[in-house]
Amino acid sequence: MADQQSFYERVYEVVRQIPYGRATSYGAIAKYLGAARSARLVGWAMNNSHTAGFQVPAHRVVNRNGVLTGKHHFGDADTMQQLLENEGIKVIDDQIQEFKKVYWDPSLELVVE
């Protein structure tokens, strides 16, 4: 449990650095953290981010195709999309349009730990 909590904290640290108007994937975060096969665990961290005790912009984390797979964890089905659109990211049918343009890769943007 402590290892999982530590991993979640590391995920939150990365997610908090995603710039406004940009998005990334669960897998990109996992890869950056040296746990490339742990995209689902990153997803679980996002599901639990409301318990972190600080703001985690979980709406900026989507699947590798730009699909809003975690939208049902935001209470209302449209909240995640609204948060992204408020940042200028266009979403149609639960998918970020031109995902490559807004994609933020922590492995390129951050210094590896």
PDB file of N, CA and C in Angstrom:
ATOM      1  N   MET A   1       0.828  -1.206   0.000  1.00  0.00           N
ATOM      2  CA  MET A   1       0.000   0.000   0.000  1.00  0.00           C
ATOM      3  C   MET A   1       0.868   1.263   0.000  1.00  0.00           C
ATOM      4  N   ALA A   2       1.943   1.259   0.777  1.00  0.00           N
ATOM      5  CA  ALA A   2       2.821   2.428   0.825  1.00  0.00           C
ATOM      6  C   ALA A   2       3.478   2.676  -0.523  1.00  0.00           C
ATOM      7  N   ASP A   3       3.882   1.588  -1.222  1.00  0.00           N
ATOM      8  CA  ASP A   3       4.474   1.733  -2.546  1.00  0.00           C
ATOM      9  C   ASP A   3       3.486   2.336  -3.536  1.00  0.00           C
ATOM     10  N   GLN A   4       2.229   1.882  -3.445  1.00  0.00           N
ATOM     11  CA  GLN A   4       1.191   2.408  -4.332  1.00  0.00           C
ATOM     12  C   GLN A   4       0.970   3.886  -4.045  1.00  0.00           C
ATOM     13  N   GLN A   5       0.903   4.253  -2.776  1.00  0.00           N
ATOM     14  CA  GLN A   5       0.698   5.649  -2.411  1.00  0.00           C
ATOM     15  C   GLN A   5       1.865   6.499  -2.906  1.00  0.00           C
ATOM     16  N   SER A   6       3.078   6.009  -2.762  1.00  0.00           N
ATOM     17  CA  SER A   6       4.250   6.719  -3.242  1.00  0.00           C
ATOM     18  C   SER A   6       4.188   6.905  -4.757  1.00  0.00           C
ATOM     19  N   PHE A   7       3.756   5.859  -5.475  1.00  0.00           N
ATOM     20  CA  PHE A   7       3.610   5.949  -6.924  1.00  0.00           C
ATOM     21  C   PHE A   7       2.566   7.000  -7.276  1.00  0.00           C
ATOM     22  N   TYR A   8       1.440   6.976  -6.590  1.00  0.00           N
ATOM     23  CA  TYR A   8       0.395   7.976  -6.835  1.00  0.00           C
ATOM     24  C   TYR A   8       0.948   9.386  -6.642  1.00  0.00           C
ATOM     25  N   GLU A   9       1.702   9.597  -5.595  1.00  0.00           N
ATOM     26  CA  GLU A   9       2.271  10.921  -5.327  1.00  0.00           C
ATOM     27  C   GLU A   9       3.201  11.353  -6.459  1.00  0.00           C
ATOM     28  N   ARG A  10       3.972  10.427  -6.984  1.00  0.00           N
ATOM     29  CA  ARG A  10       4.862  10.728  -8.109  1.00  0.00           C
ATOM     30  C   ARG A  10       4.041  11.064  -9.358  1.00  0.00           C
ATOM     31  N   VAL A  11       2.944  10.340  -9.563  1.00  0.00           N
ATOM     32  CA  VAL A  11       2.044  10.632 -10.682  1.00  0.00           C
ATOM     33  C   VAL A  11       1.482  12.047 -10.524  1.00  0.00           C
ATOM     34  N   TYR A  12       0.993  12.378  -9.336  1.00  0.00           N
ATOM     35  CA  TYR A  12       0.408  13.706  -9.112  1.00  0.00           C
ATOM     36  C   TYR A  12       1.425  14.811  -9.358  1.00  0.00           C
ATOM     37  N   GLU A  13       2.668  14.564  -8.977  1.00  0.00           N
ATOM     38  CA  GLU A  13       3.734  15.551  -9.201  1.00  0.00           C
ATOM     39  C   GLU A  13       3.893  15.829 -10.700  1.00  0.00           C
ATOM     40  N   VAL A  14       3.857  14.790 -11.517  1.00  0.00           N
ATOM     41  CA  VAL A  14       3.966  14.963 -12.967  1.00  0.00           C
ATOM     42  C   VAL A  14       2.726  15.664 -13.515  1.00  0.00           C
ATOM     43  N   VAL A  15       1.559  15.209 -13.120  1.00  0.00           N
ATOM     44  CA  VAL A  15       0.301  15.771 -13.644  1.00  0.00           C
ATOM     45  C   VAL A  15       0.181  17.252 -13.304  1.00  0.00           C
ATOM     46  N   ARG A  16       0.651  17.640 -12.148  1.00  0.00           N
ATOM     47  CA  ARG A  16       0.580  19.059 -11.758  1.00  0.00           C
ATOM     48  C   ARG A  16       1.464  19.939 -12.635  1.00  0.00           C
ATOM     49  N   GLN A  17       2.363  19.335 -13.410  1.00  0.00           N
ATOM     50  CA  GLN A  17       3.256  20.102 -14.279  1.00  0.00           C
ATOM     51  C   GLN A  17       2.768  20.183 -15.728  1.00  0.00           C
ATOM     52  N   ILE A  18       1.656  19.518 -16.024  1.00  0.00           N
ATOM     53  CA  ILE A  18       1.102  19.607 -17.381  1.00  0.00           C
ATOM     54  C   ILE A  18       0.613  21.036 -17.587  1.00  0.00           C
ATOM     55  N   PRO A  19       1.110  21.717 -18.592  1.00  0.00           N
ATOM     56  CA  PRO A  19       0.701  23.110 -18.805  1.00  0.00           C
ATOM     57  C   PRO A  19      -0.778  23.255 -19.180  1.00  0.00           C
ATOM     58  N   TYR A  20      -1.326  24.383 -18.827  1.00  0.00           N
ATOM     59  CA  TYR A  20      -2.679  24.777 -19.213  1.00  0.00           C
ATOM     60  C   TYR A  20      -2.800  24.652 -20.730  1.00  0.00           C
ATOM     61  N   GLY A  21      -3.882  24.056 -21.193  1.00  0.00           N
ATOM     62  CA  GLY A  21      -4.123  23.929 -22.622  1.00  0.00           C
ATOM     63  C   GLY A  21      -3.400  22.768 -23.279  1.00  0.00           C
ATOM     64  N   ARG A  22      -2.822  21.900 -22.478  1.00  0.00           N
ATOM     65  CA  ARG A  22      -2.107  20.729 -22.994  1.00  0.00           C
ATOM     66  C   ARG A  22      -2.672  19.484 -22.321  1.00  0.00           C
ATOM     67  N   ALA A  23      -2.396  18.316 -22.906  1.00  0.00           N
ATOM     68  CA  ALA A  23      -2.876  17.045 -22.349  1.00  0.00           C
ATOM     69  C   ALA A  23      -1.822  15.981 -22.600  1.00  0.00           C
ATOM     70  N   THR A  24      -1.877  14.925 -21.815  1.00  0.00           N
ATOM     71  CA  THR A  24      -0.963  13.806 -21.980  1.00  0.00           C
ATOM     72  C   THR A  24      -1.713  12.500 -21.770  1.00  0.00           C
ATOM     73  N   SER A  25      -0.990  11.410 -21.844  1.00  0.00           N
ATOM     74  CA  SER A  25      -1.629  10.103 -21.699  1.00  0.00           C
ATOM     75  C   SER A  25      -1.152   9.395 -20.436  1.00  0.00           C
ATOM     76  N   TYR A  26      -1.960   8.435 -20.018  1.00  0.00           N
ATOM     77  CA  TYR A  26      -1.593   7.611 -18.865  1.00  0.00           C
ATOM     78  C   TYR A  26      -0.254   6.929 -19.118  1.00  0.00           C
ATOM     79  N   GLY A  27      -0.093   6.393 -20.318  1.00  0.00           N
ATOM     80  CA  GLY A  27       1.127   5.677 -20.665  1.00  0.00           C
ATOM     81  C   GLY A  27       2.366   6.556 -20.669  1.00  0.00           C
ATOM     82  N   ALA A  28       2.227   7.798 -21.128  1.00  0.00           N
ATOM     83  CA  ALA A  28       3.368   8.717 -21.153  1.00  0.00           C
ATOM     84  C   ALA A  28       3.855   9.010 -19.735  1.00  0.00           C
ATOM     85  N   ILE A  29       2.913   9.145 -18.816  1.00  0.00           N
ATOM     86  CA  ILE A  29       3.290   9.383 -17.419  1.00  0.00           C
ATOM     87  C   ILE A  29       3.969   8.151 -16.845  1.00  0.00           C
ATOM     88  N   ALA A  30       3.395   6.984 -17.103  1.00  0.00           N
ATOM     89  CA  ALA A  30       3.982   5.735 -16.610  1.00  0.00           C
ATOM     90  C   ALA A  30       5.402   5.560 -17.144  1.00  0.00           C
ATOM     91  N   LYS A  31       5.575   5.791 -18.428  1.00  0.00           N
ATOM     92  CA  LYS A  31       6.902   5.658 -19.041  1.00  0.00           C
ATOM     93  C   LYS A  31       7.890   6.619 -18.402  1.00  0.00           C
ATOM     94  N   TYR A  32       7.485   7.865 -18.214  1.00  0.00           N
ATOM     95  CA  TYR A  32       8.351   8.862 -17.596  1.00  0.00           C
ATOM     96  C   TYR A  32       8.792   8.423 -16.200  1.00  0.00           C
ATOM     97  N   LEU A  33       7.891   7.787 -15.473  1.00  0.00           N
ATOM     98  CA  LEU A  33       8.191   7.359 -14.107  1.00  0.00           C
ATOM     99  C   LEU A  33       8.951   6.032 -14.062  1.00  0.00           C
ATOM    100  N   GLY A  34       9.308   5.508 -15.224  1.00  0.00           N
ATOM    101  CA  GLY A  34      10.078   4.277 -15.275  1.00  0.00           C
ATOM    102  C   GLY A  34       9.245   3.028 -15.065  1.00  0.00           C
ATOM    103  N   ALA A  35       7.944   3.158 -15.291  1.00  0.00           N
ATOM    104  CA  ALA A  35       7.013   2.041 -15.104  1.00  0.00           C
ATOM    105  C   ALA A  35       6.122   1.940 -16.334  1.00  0.00           C
ATOM    106  N   ALA A  36       6.747   1.755 -17.490  1.00  0.00           N
ATOM    107  CA  ALA A  36       6.051   1.819 -18.776  1.00  0.00           C
ATOM    108  C   ALA A  36       4.807   0.939 -18.872  1.00  0.00           C
ATOM    109  N   ARG A  37       4.772  -0.151 -18.146  1.00  0.00           N
ATOM    110  CA  ARG A  37       3.612  -1.052 -18.209  1.00  0.00           C
ATOM    111  C   ARG A  37       2.547  -0.727 -17.150  1.00  0.00           C
ATOM    112  N   SER A  38       2.638   0.443 -16.569  1.00  0.00           N
ATOM    113  CA  SER A  38       1.735   0.803 -15.468  1.00  0.00           C
ATOM    114  C   SER A  38       0.737   1.898 -15.818  1.00  0.00           C
ATOM    115  N   ALA A  39       0.343   1.989 -17.087  1.00  0.00           N
ATOM    116  CA  ALA A  39      -0.620   3.016 -17.494  1.00  0.00           C
ATOM    117  C   ALA A  39      -1.921   2.890 -16.700  1.00  0.00           C
ATOM    118  N   ARG A  40      -2.360   1.663 -16.451  1.00  0.00           N
ATOM    119  CA  ARG A  40      -3.605   1.485 -15.685  1.00  0.00           C
ATOM    120  C   ARG A  40      -3.457   1.990 -14.255  1.00  0.00           C
ATOM    121  N   LEU A  41      -2.287   1.803 -13.673  1.00  0.00           N
ATOM    122  CA  LEU A  41      -2.058   2.300 -12.317  1.00  0.00           C
ATOM    123  C   LEU A  41      -2.084   3.825 -12.300  1.00  0.00           C
ATOM    124  N   VAL A  42      -1.587   4.448 -13.366  1.00  0.00           N
ATOM    125  CA  VAL A  42      -1.692   5.905 -13.496  1.00  0.00           C
ATOM    126  C   VAL A  42      -3.169   6.291 -13.552  1.00  0.00           C
ATOM    127  N   GLY A  43      -3.968   5.502 -14.272  1.00  0.00           N
ATOM    128  CA  GLY A  43      -5.408   5.744 -14.326  1.00  0.00           C
ATOM    129  C   GLY A  43      -6.050   5.658 -12.954  1.00  0.00           C
ATOM    130  N   TRP A  44      -5.654   4.668 -12.181  1.00  0.00           N
ATOM    131  CA  TRP A  44      -6.187   4.549 -10.817  1.00  0.00           C
ATOM    132  C   TRP A  44      -5.769   5.738  -9.969  1.00  0.00           C
ATOM    133  N   ALA A  45      -4.559   6.218 -10.172  1.00  0.00           N
ATOM    134  CA  ALA A  45      -4.117   7.411  -9.442  1.00  0.00           C
ATOM    135  C   ALA A  45      -5.004   8.601  -9.800  1.00  0.00           C
ATOM    136  N   MET A  46      -5.333   8.730 -11.088  1.00  0.00           N
ATOM    137  CA  MET A  46      -6.206   9.827 -11.506  1.00  0.00           C
ATOM    138  C   MET A  46      -7.597   9.674 -10.886  1.00  0.00           C
ATOM    139  N   ASN A  47      -8.078   8.439 -10.809  1.00  0.00           N
ATOM    140  CA  ASN A  47      -9.380   8.192 -10.184  1.00  0.00           C
ATOM    141  C   ASN A  47      -9.400   8.619  -8.725  1.00  0.00           C
ATOM    142  N   ASN A  48      -8.255   8.528  -8.074  1.00  0.00           N
ATOM    143  CA  ASN A  48      -8.154   8.866  -6.653  1.00  0.00           C
ATOM    144  C   ASN A  48      -7.580  10.252  -6.399  1.00  0.00           C
ATOM    145  N   SER A  49      -7.341  11.007  -7.431  1.00  0.00           N
ATOM    146  CA  SER A  49      -6.671  12.304  -7.276  1.00  0.00           C
ATOM    147  C   SER A  49      -7.448  13.299  -6.419  1.00  0.00           C
ATOM    148  N   HIS A  50      -8.755  13.122  -6.325  1.00  0.00           N
ATOM    149  CA  HIS A  50      -9.556  14.024  -5.496  1.00  0.00           C
ATOM    150  C   HIS A  50      -9.219  13.883  -4.006  1.00  0.00           C
ATOM    151  N   THR A  51      -8.506  12.825  -3.634  1.00  0.00           N
ATOM    152  CA  THR A  51      -8.124  12.620  -2.232  1.00  0.00           C
ATOM    153  C   THR A  51      -6.707  13.101  -1.946  1.00  0.00           C
ATOM    154  N   ALA A  52      -6.036  13.685  -2.928  1.00  0.00           N
ATOM    155  CA  ALA A  52      -4.623  14.065  -2.791  1.00  0.00           C
ATOM    156  C   ALA A  52      -4.385  15.170  -1.771  1.00  0.00           C
ATOM    157  N   GLY A  53      -5.383  16.003  -1.517  1.00  0.00           N
ATOM    158  CA  GLY A  53      -5.199  17.108  -0.584  1.00  0.00           C
ATOM    159  C   GLY A  53      -4.729  18.385  -1.256  1.00  0.00           C
ATOM    160  N   PHE A  54      -4.571  18.339  -2.578  1.00  0.00           N
ATOM    161  CA  PHE A  54      -4.194  19.504  -3.363  1.00  0.00           C
ATOM    162  C   PHE A  54      -4.749  19.318  -4.774  1.00  0.00           C
ATOM    163  N   GLN A  55      -4.741  20.373  -5.562  1.00  0.00           N
ATOM    164  CA  GLN A  55      -5.307  20.319  -6.910  1.00  0.00           C
ATOM    165  C   GLN A  55      -4.451  19.451  -7.837  1.00  0.00           C
ATOM    166  N   VAL A  56      -5.085  18.529  -8.509  1.00  0.00           N
ATOM    167  CA  VAL A  56      -4.439  17.696  -9.523  1.00  0.00           C
ATOM    168  C   VAL A  56      -5.289  17.841 -10.791  1.00  0.00           C
ATOM    169  N   PRO A  57      -4.739  18.424 -11.858  1.00  0.00           N
ATOM    170  CA  PRO A  57      -5.529  18.617 -13.079  1.00  0.00           C
ATOM    171  C   PRO A  57      -5.705  17.310 -13.863  1.00  0.00           C
ATOM    172  N   ALA A  58      -6.419  16.376 -13.257  1.00  0.00           N
ATOM    173  CA  ALA A  58      -6.611  15.035 -13.828  1.00  0.00           C
ATOM    174  C   ALA A  58      -7.307  15.081 -15.184  1.00  0.00           C
ATOM    175  N   HIS A  59      -8.048  16.138 -15.467  1.00  0.00           N
ATOM    176  CA  HIS A  59      -8.746  16.241 -16.754  1.00  0.00           C
ATOM    177  C   HIS A  59      -7.780  16.306 -17.930  1.00  0.00           C
ATOM    178  N   ARG A  60      -6.520  16.609 -17.676  1.00  0.00           N
ATOM    179  CA  ARG A  60      -5.513  16.716 -18.736  1.00  0.00           C
ATOM    180  C   ARG A  60      -4.866  15.377 -19.079  1.00  0.00           C
ATOM    181  N   VAL A  61      -5.327  14.304 -18.448  1.00  0.00           N
ATOM    182  CA  VAL A  61      -4.759  12.977 -18.695  1.00  0.00           C
ATOM    183  C   VAL A  61      -5.829  12.103 -19.355  1.00  0.00           C
ATOM    184  N   VAL A  62      -5.491  11.610 -20.532  1.00  0.00           N
ATOM    185  CA  VAL A  62      -6.428  10.827 -21.350  1.00  0.00           C
ATOM    186  C   VAL A  62      -5.719   9.568 -21.856  1.00  0.00           C
ATOM    187  N   ASN A  63      -6.423   8.755 -22.627  1.00  0.00           N
ATOM    188  CA  ASN A  63      -5.749   7.563 -23.143  1.00  0.00           C
ATOM    189  C   ASN A  63      -4.841   7.936 -24.322  1.00  0.00           C
ATOM    190  N   ARG A  64      -4.108   6.973 -24.829  1.00  0.00           N
ATOM    191  CA  ARG A  64      -3.090   7.236 -25.856  1.00  0.00           C
ATOM    192  C   ARG A  64      -3.657   7.774 -27.161  1.00  0.00           C
ATOM    193  N   ASN A  65      -4.955   7.637 -27.359  1.00  0.00           N
ATOM    194  CA  ASN A  65      -5.606   8.155 -28.567  1.00  0.00           C
ATOM    195  C   ASN A  65      -6.318   9.480 -28.333  1.00  0.00           C
ATOM    196  N   GLY A  66      -6.174  10.031 -27.138  1.00  0.00           N
ATOM    197  CA  GLY A  66      -6.836  11.288 -26.829  1.00  0.00           C
ATOM    198  C   GLY A  66      -8.283  11.138 -26.405  1.00  0.00           C
ATOM    199  N   VAL A  67      -8.692   9.929 -26.067  1.00  0.00           N
ATOM    200  CA  VAL A  67     -10.073   9.670 -25.658  1.00  0.00           C
ATOM    201  C   VAL A  67     -10.226   9.913 -24.158  1.00  0.00           C
ATOM    202  N   LEU A  68     -11.321  10.537 -23.785  1.00  0.00           N
ATOM    203  CA  LEU A  68     -11.605  10.876 -22.394  1.00  0.00           C
ATOM    204  C   LEU A  68     -12.144   9.653 -21.644  1.00  0.00           C
ATOM    205  N   THR A  69     -11.309   8.660 -21.460  1.00  0.00           N
ATOM    206  CA  THR A  69     -11.740   7.407 -20.841  1.00  0.00           C
ATOM    207  C   THR A  69     -12.065   7.563 -19.356  1.00  0.00           C
ATOM    208  N   GLY A  70     -11.538   8.577 -18.712  1.00  0.00           N
ATOM    209  CA  GLY A  70     -11.795   8.765 -17.284  1.00  0.00           C
ATOM    210  C   GLY A  70     -12.910   9.732 -16.970  1.00  0.00           C
ATOM    211  N   LYS A  71     -13.698  10.114 -17.962  1.00  0.00           N
ATOM    212  CA  LYS A  71     -14.702  11.168 -17.777  1.00  0.00           C
ATOM    213  C   LYS A  71     -15.756  10.840 -16.723  1.00  0.00           C
ATOM    214  N   HIS A  72     -16.059   9.574 -16.531  1.00  0.00           N
ATOM    215  CA  HIS A  72     -17.093   9.202 -15.561  1.00  0.00           C
ATOM    216  C   HIS A  72     -16.639   9.403 -14.115  1.00  0.00           C
ATOM    217  N   HIS A  73     -15.367   9.698 -13.900  1.00  0.00           N
ATOM    218  CA  HIS A  73     -14.865   9.946 -12.541  1.00  0.00           C
ATOM    219  C   HIS A  73     -14.953  11.419 -12.146  1.00  0.00           C
ATOM    220  N   PHE A  74     -15.542  12.227 -13.006  1.00  0.00           N
ATOM    221  CA  PHE A  74     -15.665  13.656 -12.733  1.00  0.00           C
ATOM    222  C   PHE A  74     -17.064  14.041 -12.263  1.00  0.00           C
ATOM    223  N   GLY A  75     -17.878  13.063 -11.896  1.00  0.00           N
ATOM    224  CA  GLY A  75     -19.226  13.340 -11.412  1.00  0.00           C
ATOM    225  C   GLY A  75     -20.206  13.443 -12.555  1.00  0.00           C
ATOM    226  N   ASP A  76     -20.168  14.535 -13.269  1.00  0.00           N
ATOM    227  CA  ASP A  76     -21.038  14.768 -14.413  1.00  0.00           C
ATOM    228  C   ASP A  76     -20.313  14.291 -15.670  1.00  0.00           C
ATOM    229  N   ALA A  77     -21.027  13.683 -16.586  1.00  0.00           N
ATOM    230  CA  ALA A  77     -20.428  13.109 -17.795  1.00  0.00           C
ATOM    231  C   ALA A  77     -19.743  14.147 -18.678  1.00  0.00           C
ATOM    232  N   ASP A  78     -20.110  15.422 -18.540  1.00  0.00           N
ATOM    233  CA  ASP A  78     -19.544  16.463 -19.396  1.00  0.00           C
ATOM    234  C   ASP A  78     -18.461  17.297 -18.729  1.00  0.00           C
ATOM    235  N   THR A  79     -18.192  17.074 -17.453  1.00  0.00           N
ATOM    236  CA  THR A  79     -17.251  17.923 -16.718  1.00  0.00           C
ATOM    237  C   THR A  79     -15.846  17.883 -17.287  1.00  0.00           C
ATOM    238  N   MET A  80     -15.328  16.699 -17.561  1.00  0.00           N
ATOM    239  CA  MET A  80     -13.964  16.593 -18.086  1.00  0.00           C
ATOM    240  C   MET A  80     -13.840  17.342 -19.411  1.00  0.00           C
ATOM    241  N   GLN A  81     -14.805  17.144 -20.292  1.00  0.00           N
ATOM    242  CA  GLN A  81     -14.790  17.835 -21.574  1.00  0.00           C
ATOM    243  C   GLN A  81     -14.846  19.341 -21.374  1.00  0.00           C
ATOM    244  N   GLN A  82     -15.706  19.794 -20.487  1.00  0.00           N
ATOM    245  CA  GLN A  82     -15.834  21.229 -20.230  1.00  0.00           C
ATOM    246  C   GLN A  82     -14.522  21.826 -19.722  1.00  0.00           C
ATOM    247  N   LEU A  83     -13.853  21.118 -18.810  1.00  0.00           N
ATOM    248  CA  LEU A  83     -12.572  21.600 -18.284  1.00  0.00           C
ATOM    249  C   LEU A  83     -11.536  21.725 -19.396  1.00  0.00           C
ATOM    250  N   LEU A  84     -11.489  20.745 -20.271  1.00  0.00           N
ATOM    251  CA  LEU A  84     -10.548  20.794 -21.396  1.00  0.00           C
ATOM    252  C   LEU A  84     -10.912  21.921 -22.359  1.00  0.00           C
ATOM    253  N   GLU A  85     -12.184  22.042 -22.674  1.00  0.00           N
ATOM    254  CA  GLU A  85     -12.619  23.093 -23.597  1.00  0.00           C
ATOM    255  C   GLU A  85     -12.384  24.481 -23.015  1.00  0.00           C
ATOM    256  N   ASN A  86     -12.498  24.621 -21.695  1.00  0.00           N
ATOM    257  CA  ASN A  86     -12.201  25.900 -21.043  1.00  0.00           C
ATOM    258  C   ASN A  86     -10.741  26.294 -21.232  1.00  0.00           C
ATOM    259  N   GLU A  87      -9.887  25.307 -21.506  1.00  0.00           N
ATOM    260  CA  GLU A  87      -8.463  25.559 -21.738  1.00  0.00           C
ATOM    261  C   GLU A  87      -8.141  25.654 -23.232  1.00  0.00           C
ATOM    262  N   GLY A  88      -9.177  25.648 -24.073  1.00  0.00           N
ATOM    263  CA  GLY A  88      -8.984  25.796 -25.508  1.00  0.00           C
ATOM    264  C   GLY A  88      -8.755  24.497 -26.258  1.00  0.00           C
ATOM    265  N   ILE A  89      -8.974  23.359 -25.604  1.00  0.00           N
ATOM    266  CA  ILE A  89      -8.809  22.063 -26.246  1.00  0.00           C
ATOM    267  C   ILE A  89     -10.157  21.620 -26.803  1.00  0.00           C
ATOM    268  N   LYS A  90     -10.178  21.335 -28.091  1.00  0.00           N
ATOM    269  CA  LYS A  90     -11.428  20.937 -28.747  1.00  0.00           C
ATOM    270  C   LYS A  90     -11.664  19.442 -28.561  1.00  0.00           C
ATOM    271  N   VAL A  91     -12.882  19.098 -28.114  1.00  0.00           N
ATOM    272  CA  VAL A  91     -13.263  17.709 -27.885  1.00  0.00           C
ATOM    273  C   VAL A  91     -14.552  17.420 -28.643  1.00  0.00           C
ATOM    274  N   ILE A  92     -14.546  16.347 -29.421  1.00  0.00           N
ATOM    275  CA  ILE A  92     -15.744  15.892 -30.133  1.00  0.00           C
ATOM    276  C   ILE A  92     -15.893  14.399 -29.871  1.00  0.00           C
ATOM    277  N   ASP A  93     -17.105  14.004 -29.487  1.00  0.00           N
ATOM    278  CA  ASP A  93     -17.398  12.593 -29.211  1.00  0.00           C
ATOM    279  C   ASP A  93     -16.383  11.978 -28.253  1.00  0.00           C
ATOM    280  N   ASP A  94     -16.103  12.689 -27.166  1.00  0.00           N
ATOM    281  CA  ASP A  94     -15.196  12.225 -26.103  1.00  0.00           C
ATOM    282  C   ASP A  94     -13.756  12.029 -26.559  1.00  0.00           C
ATOM    283  N   GLN A  95     -13.344  12.696 -27.633  1.00  0.00           N
ATOM    284  CA  GLN A  95     -11.970  12.572 -28.100  1.00  0.00           C
ATOM    285  C   GLN A  95     -11.384  13.950 -28.383  1.00  0.00           C
ATOM    286  N   ILE A  96     -10.166  14.187 -27.880  1.00  0.00           N
ATOM    287  CA  ILE A  96      -9.474  15.436 -28.156  1.00  0.00           C
ATOM    288  C   ILE A  96      -9.143  15.494 -29.641  1.00  0.00           C
ATOM    289  N   GLN A  97      -9.520  16.593 -30.268  1.00  0.00           N
ATOM    290  CA  GLN A  97      -9.231  16.793 -31.682  1.00  0.00           C
ATOM    291  C   GLN A  97      -7.804  17.320 -31.822  1.00  0.00           C
ATOM    292  N   GLU A  98      -7.121  16.868 -32.843  1.00  0.00           N
ATOM    293  CA  GLU A  98      -5.726  17.256 -33.080  1.00  0.00           C
ATOM    294  C   GLU A  98      -4.888  17.029 -31.821  1.00  0.00           C
ATOM    295  N   PHE A  99      -5.030  15.827 -31.271  1.00  0.00           N
ATOM    296  CA  PHE A  99      -4.358  15.466 -30.026  1.00  0.00           C
ATOM    297  C   PHE A  99      -2.844  15.694 -30.097  1.00  0.00           C
ATOM    298  N   LYS A 100      -2.253  15.426 -31.241  1.00  0.00           N
ATOM    299  CA  LYS A 100      -0.801  15.605 -31.381  1.00  0.00           C
ATOM    300  C   LYS A 100      -0.377  17.048 -31.139  1.00  0.00           C
ATOM    301  N   LYS A 101      -1.249  17.997 -31.452  1.00  0.00           N
ATOM    302  CA  LYS A 101      -0.914  19.417 -31.263  1.00  0.00           C
ATOM    303  C   LYS A 101      -0.912  19.827 -29.794  1.00  0.00           C
ATOM    304  N   VAL A 102      -1.747  19.205 -28.982  1.00  0.00           N
ATOM    305  CA  VAL A 102      -1.821  19.579 -27.564  1.00  0.00           C
ATOM    306  C   VAL A 102      -1.090  18.580 -26.661  1.00  0.00           C
ATOM    307  N   TYR A 103      -0.569  17.522 -27.273  1.00  0.00           N
ATOM    308  CA  TYR A 103       0.087  16.458 -26.517  1.00  0.00           C
ATOM    309  C   TYR A 103       1.343  16.975 -25.814  1.00  0.00           C
ATOM    310  N   TRP A 104       1.444  16.660 -24.553  1.00  0.00           N
ATOM    311  CA  TRP A 104       2.587  17.036 -23.723  1.00  0.00           C
ATOM    312  C   TRP A 104       3.271  15.756 -23.263  1.00  0.00           C
ATOM    313  N   ASP A 105       4.535  15.588 -23.631  1.00  0.00           N
ATOM    314  CA  ASP A 105       5.275  14.380 -23.281  1.00  0.00           C
ATOM    315  C   ASP A 105       6.221  14.691 -22.133  1.00  0.00           C
ATOM    316  N   PRO A 106       5.946  14.155 -20.947  1.00  0.00           N
ATOM    317  CA  PRO A 106       6.815  14.470 -19.806  1.00  0.00           C
ATOM    318  C   PRO A 106       8.254  14.018 -20.016  1.00  0.00           C
ATOM    319  N   SER A 107       8.473  12.982 -20.814  1.00  0.00           N
ATOM    320  CA  SER A 107       9.837  12.505 -21.065  1.00  0.00           C
ATOM    321  C   SER A 107      10.657  13.519 -21.857  1.00  0.00           C
ATOM    322  N   LEU A 108       9.975  14.364 -22.615  1.00  0.00           N
ATOM    323  CA  LEU A 108      10.658  15.419 -23.369  1.00  0.00           C
ATOM    324  C   LEU A 108      10.669  16.756 -22.623  1.00  0.00           C
ATOM    325  N   GLU A 109       9.655  16.986 -21.826  1.00  0.00           N
ATOM    326  CA  GLU A 109       9.482  18.287 -21.181  1.00  0.00           C
ATOM    327  C   GLU A 109      10.098  18.387 -19.794  1.00  0.00           C
ATOM    328  N   LEU A 110      10.248  17.272 -19.118  1.00  0.00           N
ATOM    329  CA  LEU A 110      10.757  17.282 -17.753  1.00  0.00           C
ATOM    330  C   LEU A 110      12.103  16.578 -17.673  1.00  0.00           C
ATOM    331  N   VAL A 111      12.883  16.968 -16.706  1.00  0.00           N
ATOM    332  CA  VAL A 111      14.147  16.281 -16.446  1.00  0.00           C
ATOM    333  C   VAL A 111      13.819  14.952 -15.790  1.00  0.00           C
ATOM    334  N   VAL A 112      14.379  13.880 -16.299  1.00  0.00           N
ATOM    335  CA  VAL A 112      14.118  12.538 -15.732  1.00  0.00           C
ATOM    336  C   VAL A 112      14.648  12.497 -14.311  1.00  0.00           C
ATOM    337  N   GLU A 113      13.828  11.898 -13.445  1.00  0.00           N
ATOM    338  CA  GLU A 113      14.171  11.832 -12.025  1.00  0.00           C
ATOM    339  C   GLU A 113      15.354  10.956 -11.759  1.00  0.00           C
TER     340      GLU A 113
END
